[in-house]
Amino acid sequence: MTGADVGLALGEKTAWNKGYGTETAKLLLDEVFRQLNLHRAEWWTYDENSVSVQLAKKLGFKEEARLRDAVFFDNRYHDLVVLGLLKQEFESIRAAAGTSSSETTVSYLQSP
């Protein structure tokens, strides 16, 4: 296995906009790249989910594809956006932030 699909959902609206999604995604990426030693991660989301797209980009993901009218629900078609992050990009971002693997994991666990 060389890659992983990354995803998360915060169903409880009272948990939205508190940084939990960001912290959870950082922990997942640390697991994907540092523990599992995978080469890439993918993030799939609906194009109208701008919060998810912006979070992925904030974490370093780059938009790689748009699947037009890929899914049908709520009586209409929706596009899917596929974003990707490579291990070397992840490591560069962490190095620029000046954190080691253990420091990164600890900082992720400290809630905002």
N, C-alpha and C. Protein backbone atom coordinates (compact mmCIF):
# COMPACT_ATOMS: atom_id res chain seq x y z
N MET A 1 0.85 -1.17 0.00
CA MET A 1 0.00 0.00 0.00
C MET A 1 0.90 1.24 0.00
N THR A 2 0.58 2.20 -0.86
CA THR A 2 1.39 3.41 -0.95
C THR A 2 0.66 4.67 -0.54
N GLY A 3 -0.65 4.59 -0.38
CA GLY A 3 -1.41 5.79 -0.06
C GLY A 3 -2.61 5.50 0.80
N ALA A 4 -3.28 6.58 1.21
CA ALA A 4 -4.46 6.46 2.06
C ALA A 4 -5.46 7.54 1.69
N ASP A 5 -6.75 7.20 1.80
CA ASP A 5 -7.81 8.19 1.68
C ASP A 5 -8.06 8.75 3.07
N VAL A 6 -8.12 10.05 3.19
CA VAL A 6 -8.31 10.70 4.48
C VAL A 6 -9.69 11.33 4.49
N GLY A 7 -10.40 11.14 5.57
CA GLY A 7 -11.70 11.77 5.69
C GLY A 7 -12.12 11.89 7.13
N LEU A 8 -12.98 12.84 7.39
CA LEU A 8 -13.50 13.00 8.73
C LEU A 8 -14.84 13.70 8.65
N ALA A 9 -15.63 13.48 9.67
CA ALA A 9 -16.94 14.12 9.74
C ALA A 9 -17.24 14.48 11.18
N LEU A 10 -17.62 15.71 11.40
CA LEU A 10 -18.09 16.15 12.71
C LEU A 10 -19.58 16.36 12.59
N GLY A 11 -20.35 15.39 13.02
CA GLY A 11 -21.79 15.45 12.85
C GLY A 11 -22.49 16.39 13.80
N GLU A 12 -21.91 16.59 14.96
CA GLU A 12 -22.51 17.45 15.97
C GLU A 12 -22.18 18.90 15.67
N LYS A 13 -23.16 19.69 15.30
CA LYS A 13 -22.92 21.08 14.88
C LYS A 13 -22.28 21.92 15.98
N THR A 14 -22.50 21.56 17.23
CA THR A 14 -21.89 22.33 18.32
C THR A 14 -20.37 22.15 18.35
N ALA A 15 -19.86 21.13 17.65
CA ALA A 15 -18.41 20.89 17.60
C ALA A 15 -17.76 21.58 16.40
N TRP A 16 -18.56 22.19 15.53
CA TRP A 16 -18.01 22.84 14.34
C TRP A 16 -17.31 24.14 14.70
N ASN A 17 -16.33 24.51 13.89
CA ASN A 17 -15.60 25.79 14.01
C ASN A 17 -14.88 25.97 15.34
N LYS A 18 -14.39 24.85 15.89
CA LYS A 18 -13.63 24.91 17.14
C LYS A 18 -12.23 24.34 16.97
N GLY A 19 -11.86 23.99 15.74
CA GLY A 19 -10.53 23.47 15.49
C GLY A 19 -10.39 21.96 15.63
N TYR A 20 -11.48 21.27 15.97
CA TYR A 20 -11.40 19.82 16.15
C TYR A 20 -11.10 19.10 14.85
N GLY A 21 -11.71 19.56 13.76
CA GLY A 21 -11.45 18.94 12.46
C GLY A 21 -10.00 19.10 12.05
N THR A 22 -9.45 20.29 12.27
CA THR A 22 -8.05 20.55 11.93
C THR A 22 -7.13 19.65 12.75
N GLU A 23 -7.35 19.58 14.05
CA GLU A 23 -6.50 18.76 14.92
C GLU A 23 -6.62 17.28 14.57
N THR A 24 -7.84 16.83 14.30
CA THR A 24 -8.05 15.43 13.93
C THR A 24 -7.34 15.10 12.62
N ALA A 25 -7.46 15.98 11.64
CA ALA A 25 -6.80 15.76 10.35
C ALA A 25 -5.28 15.73 10.51
N LYS A 26 -4.73 16.60 11.34
CA LYS A 26 -3.28 16.61 11.58
C LYS A 26 -2.83 15.29 12.19
N LEU A 27 -3.60 14.77 13.15
CA LEU A 27 -3.26 13.49 13.76
C LEU A 27 -3.33 12.36 12.73
N LEU A 28 -4.37 12.38 11.89
CA LEU A 28 -4.49 11.37 10.84
C LEU A 28 -3.30 11.43 9.88
N LEU A 29 -2.90 12.63 9.49
CA LEU A 29 -1.77 12.77 8.57
C LEU A 29 -0.47 12.32 9.22
N ASP A 30 -0.30 12.60 10.50
CA ASP A 30 0.88 12.12 11.21
C ASP A 30 0.92 10.60 11.18
N GLU A 31 -0.21 9.97 11.38
CA GLU A 31 -0.30 8.50 11.33
C GLU A 31 0.01 7.99 9.92
N VAL A 32 -0.60 8.61 8.92
CA VAL A 32 -0.41 8.19 7.52
C VAL A 32 1.04 8.27 7.10
N PHE A 33 1.68 9.40 7.37
CA PHE A 33 3.03 9.63 6.85
C PHE A 33 4.15 9.19 7.79
N ARG A 34 3.97 9.34 9.08
CA ARG A 34 5.08 9.04 9.99
C ARG A 34 5.00 7.65 10.59
N GLN A 35 3.82 7.15 10.84
CA GLN A 35 3.69 5.82 11.44
C GLN A 35 3.55 4.74 10.38
N LEU A 36 2.68 4.97 9.40
CA LEU A 36 2.47 3.98 8.34
C LEU A 36 3.46 4.14 7.19
N ASN A 37 4.15 5.28 7.15
CA ASN A 37 5.17 5.57 6.13
C ASN A 37 4.62 5.46 4.71
N LEU A 38 3.41 5.98 4.51
CA LEU A 38 2.80 5.96 3.18
C LEU A 38 3.29 7.14 2.36
N HIS A 39 3.14 7.03 1.05
CA HIS A 39 3.68 8.03 0.12
C HIS A 39 2.73 9.21 -0.12
N ARG A 40 1.40 8.96 -0.09
CA ARG A 40 0.46 10.04 -0.39
C ARG A 40 -0.85 9.82 0.35
N ALA A 41 -1.58 10.93 0.50
CA ALA A 41 -2.92 10.89 1.08
C ALA A 41 -3.85 11.62 0.13
N GLU A 42 -5.08 11.14 0.05
CA GLU A 42 -6.10 11.79 -0.78
C GLU A 42 -7.25 12.25 0.10
N TRP A 43 -7.84 13.37 -0.30
CA TRP A 43 -8.97 13.97 0.41
C TRP A 43 -10.06 14.20 -0.63
N TRP A 44 -11.19 13.52 -0.50
CA TRP A 44 -12.32 13.66 -1.42
C TRP A 44 -13.44 14.39 -0.69
N THR A 45 -14.07 15.34 -1.36
CA THR A 45 -15.18 16.06 -0.76
C THR A 45 -16.08 16.63 -1.85
N TYR A 46 -17.29 16.97 -1.48
CA TYR A 46 -18.19 17.63 -2.43
C TYR A 46 -17.70 19.04 -2.67
N ASP A 47 -17.84 19.51 -3.90
CA ASP A 47 -17.31 20.85 -4.23
C ASP A 47 -17.98 21.96 -3.43
N GLU A 48 -19.26 21.77 -3.05
CA GLU A 48 -19.91 22.83 -2.31
C GLU A 48 -19.55 22.84 -0.82
N ASN A 49 -18.76 21.85 -0.38
CA ASN A 49 -18.29 21.83 1.01
C ASN A 49 -17.00 22.65 1.11
N SER A 50 -17.16 23.96 1.05
CA SER A 50 -16.00 24.86 1.01
C SER A 50 -15.16 24.76 2.28
N VAL A 51 -15.77 24.46 3.42
CA VAL A 51 -15.01 24.31 4.66
C VAL A 51 -14.04 23.15 4.55
N SER A 52 -14.50 22.03 4.00
CA SER A 52 -13.63 20.87 3.83
C SER A 52 -12.51 21.14 2.84
N VAL A 53 -12.85 21.78 1.72
CA VAL A 53 -11.83 22.11 0.71
C VAL A 53 -10.78 23.04 1.31
N GLN A 54 -11.21 24.06 2.04
CA GLN A 54 -10.26 25.01 2.64
C GLN A 54 -9.40 24.35 3.71
N LEU A 55 -9.98 23.44 4.49
CA LEU A 55 -9.20 22.72 5.50
C LEU A 55 -8.12 21.89 4.84
N ALA A 56 -8.48 21.17 3.79
CA ALA A 56 -7.50 20.34 3.09
C ALA A 56 -6.36 21.21 2.55
N LYS A 57 -6.70 22.34 1.94
CA LYS A 57 -5.67 23.23 1.40
C LYS A 57 -4.81 23.83 2.51
N LYS A 58 -5.42 24.16 3.64
CA LYS A 58 -4.68 24.69 4.79
C LYS A 58 -3.65 23.67 5.28
N LEU A 59 -3.97 22.38 5.16
CA LEU A 59 -3.07 21.31 5.59
C LEU A 59 -2.02 20.98 4.54
N GLY A 60 -2.11 21.61 3.36
CA GLY A 60 -1.11 21.40 2.32
C GLY A 60 -1.57 20.59 1.13
N PHE A 61 -2.81 20.11 1.14
CA PHE A 61 -3.32 19.35 0.01
C PHE A 61 -3.46 20.27 -1.20
N LYS A 62 -3.30 19.68 -2.37
CA LYS A 62 -3.46 20.42 -3.63
C LYS A 62 -4.59 19.77 -4.43
N GLU A 63 -5.42 20.61 -5.04
CA GLU A 63 -6.51 20.07 -5.86
C GLU A 63 -5.92 19.39 -7.07
N GLU A 64 -6.31 18.13 -7.28
CA GLU A 64 -5.79 17.33 -8.38
C GLU A 64 -6.85 16.99 -9.42
N ALA A 65 -8.11 16.94 -9.00
CA ALA A 65 -9.15 16.56 -9.95
C ALA A 65 -10.51 17.05 -9.48
N ARG A 66 -11.39 17.20 -10.44
CA ARG A 66 -12.79 17.51 -10.17
C ARG A 66 -13.60 16.51 -10.99
N LEU A 67 -14.39 15.70 -10.30
CA LEU A 67 -15.24 14.72 -10.97
C LEU A 67 -16.63 15.32 -11.09
N ARG A 68 -16.95 15.75 -12.30
CA ARG A 68 -18.21 16.46 -12.53
C ARG A 68 -19.40 15.53 -12.44
N ASP A 69 -20.44 16.00 -11.75
CA ASP A 69 -21.68 15.24 -11.58
C ASP A 69 -21.41 13.79 -11.17
N ALA A 70 -20.52 13.61 -10.22
CA ALA A 70 -20.07 12.26 -9.84
C ALA A 70 -21.03 11.53 -8.91
N VAL A 71 -21.81 12.27 -8.14
CA VAL A 71 -22.75 11.63 -7.22
C VAL A 71 -24.11 12.31 -7.34
N PHE A 72 -25.14 11.53 -7.04
CA PHE A 72 -26.51 12.05 -7.12
C PHE A 72 -27.18 11.89 -5.76
N PHE A 73 -27.58 13.00 -5.16
CA PHE A 73 -28.40 12.97 -3.95
C PHE A 73 -29.13 14.30 -3.84
N ASP A 74 -30.16 14.34 -3.02
CA ASP A 74 -31.01 15.53 -2.90
C ASP A 74 -31.53 15.98 -4.27
N ASN A 75 -31.86 15.02 -5.10
CA ASN A 75 -32.46 15.26 -6.41
C ASN A 75 -31.59 16.04 -7.38
N ARG A 76 -30.28 15.98 -7.20
CA ARG A 76 -29.40 16.63 -8.18
C ARG A 76 -28.01 16.00 -8.12
N TYR A 77 -27.24 16.28 -9.16
CA TYR A 77 -25.86 15.80 -9.22
C TYR A 77 -24.92 16.77 -8.52
N HIS A 78 -23.84 16.22 -8.00
CA HIS A 78 -22.83 17.02 -7.30
C HIS A 78 -21.44 16.64 -7.81
N ASP A 79 -20.57 17.64 -7.90
CA ASP A 79 -19.17 17.38 -8.25
C ASP A 79 -18.41 16.92 -7.01
N LEU A 80 -17.40 16.10 -7.24
CA LEU A 80 -16.46 15.73 -6.18
C LEU A 80 -15.12 16.38 -6.48
N VAL A 81 -14.46 16.88 -5.45
CA VAL A 81 -13.12 17.45 -5.58
C VAL A 81 -12.16 16.46 -4.94
N VAL A 82 -11.07 16.16 -5.65
CA VAL A 82 -10.04 15.26 -5.15
C VAL A 82 -8.78 16.08 -4.91
N LEU A 83 -8.28 16.04 -3.68
CA LEU A 83 -7.06 16.76 -3.32
C LEU A 83 -6.03 15.74 -2.88
N GLY A 84 -4.76 16.03 -3.12
CA GLY A 84 -3.69 15.11 -2.75
C GLY A 84 -2.58 15.80 -1.99
N LEU A 85 -1.91 15.02 -1.14
CA LEU A 85 -0.76 15.49 -0.38
C LEU A 85 0.29 14.39 -0.38
N LEU A 86 1.50 14.73 -0.79
CA LEU A 86 2.60 13.77 -0.81
C LEU A 86 3.40 13.85 0.48
N LYS A 87 4.05 12.74 0.83
CA LYS A 87 4.81 12.69 2.07
C LYS A 87 5.86 13.80 2.13
N GLN A 88 6.59 14.03 1.04
CA GLN A 88 7.63 15.06 1.07
C GLN A 88 7.04 16.45 1.27
N GLU A 89 5.82 16.70 0.77
CA GLU A 89 5.15 17.98 1.00
C GLU A 89 4.78 18.12 2.48
N PHE A 90 4.25 17.04 3.04
CA PHE A 90 3.90 17.02 4.46
C PHE A 90 5.13 17.31 5.32
N GLU A 91 6.24 16.64 5.01
CA GLU A 91 7.47 16.83 5.79
C GLU A 91 8.00 18.26 5.64
N SER A 92 7.91 18.82 4.46
CA SER A 92 8.36 20.20 4.24
C SER A 92 7.53 21.19 5.06
N ILE A 93 6.23 20.98 5.09
CA ILE A 93 5.34 21.85 5.86
C ILE A 93 5.69 21.77 7.34
N ARG A 94 5.91 20.55 7.84
CA ARG A 94 6.24 20.38 9.25
C ARG A 94 7.61 20.97 9.57
N ALA A 95 8.56 20.81 8.67
CA ALA A 95 9.90 21.38 8.89
C ALA A 95 9.83 22.90 8.93
N ALA A 96 9.03 23.48 8.04
CA ALA A 96 8.88 24.94 8.02
C ALA A 96 8.24 25.45 9.31
N ALA A 97 7.39 24.61 9.91
CA ALA A 97 6.75 24.98 11.17
C ALA A 97 7.71 24.79 12.35
N GLY A 98 8.86 24.12 12.08
CA GLY A 98 9.87 23.93 13.11
C GLY A 98 9.51 22.92 14.17
N THR A 99 8.78 21.86 13.76
CA THR A 99 8.41 20.84 14.74
C THR A 99 8.93 19.48 14.32
N SER A 100 9.36 18.71 15.30
CA SER A 100 9.77 17.32 15.05
C SER A 100 8.53 16.44 15.10
N SER A 101 8.69 15.16 14.81
CA SER A 101 7.57 14.24 14.82
C SER A 101 6.89 14.20 16.19
N SER A 102 7.67 14.01 17.25
CA SER A 102 7.07 13.91 18.58
C SER A 102 6.47 15.25 19.01
N GLU A 103 7.14 16.35 18.71
CA GLU A 103 6.60 17.66 19.06
C GLU A 103 5.31 17.93 18.31
N THR A 104 5.27 17.53 17.04
CA THR A 104 4.08 17.74 16.22
C THR A 104 2.91 16.98 16.82
N THR A 105 3.12 15.72 17.16
CA THR A 105 2.04 14.91 17.71
C THR A 105 1.54 15.51 19.02
N VAL A 106 2.44 15.92 19.89
CA VAL A 106 2.03 16.52 21.15
C VAL A 106 1.25 17.80 20.92
N SER A 107 1.74 18.66 20.02
CA SER A 107 1.04 19.92 19.77
C SER A 107 -0.34 19.67 19.18
N TYR A 108 -0.49 18.62 18.38
CA TYR A 108 -1.79 18.31 17.81
C TYR A 108 -2.78 17.91 18.91
N LEU A 109 -2.27 17.27 19.96
CA LEU A 109 -3.15 16.79 21.01
C LEU A 109 -3.61 17.90 21.95
N GLN A 110 -2.97 19.03 21.90
CA GLN A 110 -3.37 20.15 22.74
C GLN A 110 -4.45 20.94 22.01
N SER A 111 -5.67 20.82 22.48
CA SER A 111 -6.81 21.47 21.81
C SER A 111 -6.65 22.97 21.80
N PRO A 112 -7.19 23.60 20.73
CA PRO A 112 -7.11 25.06 20.64
C PRO A 112 -7.93 25.74 21.72
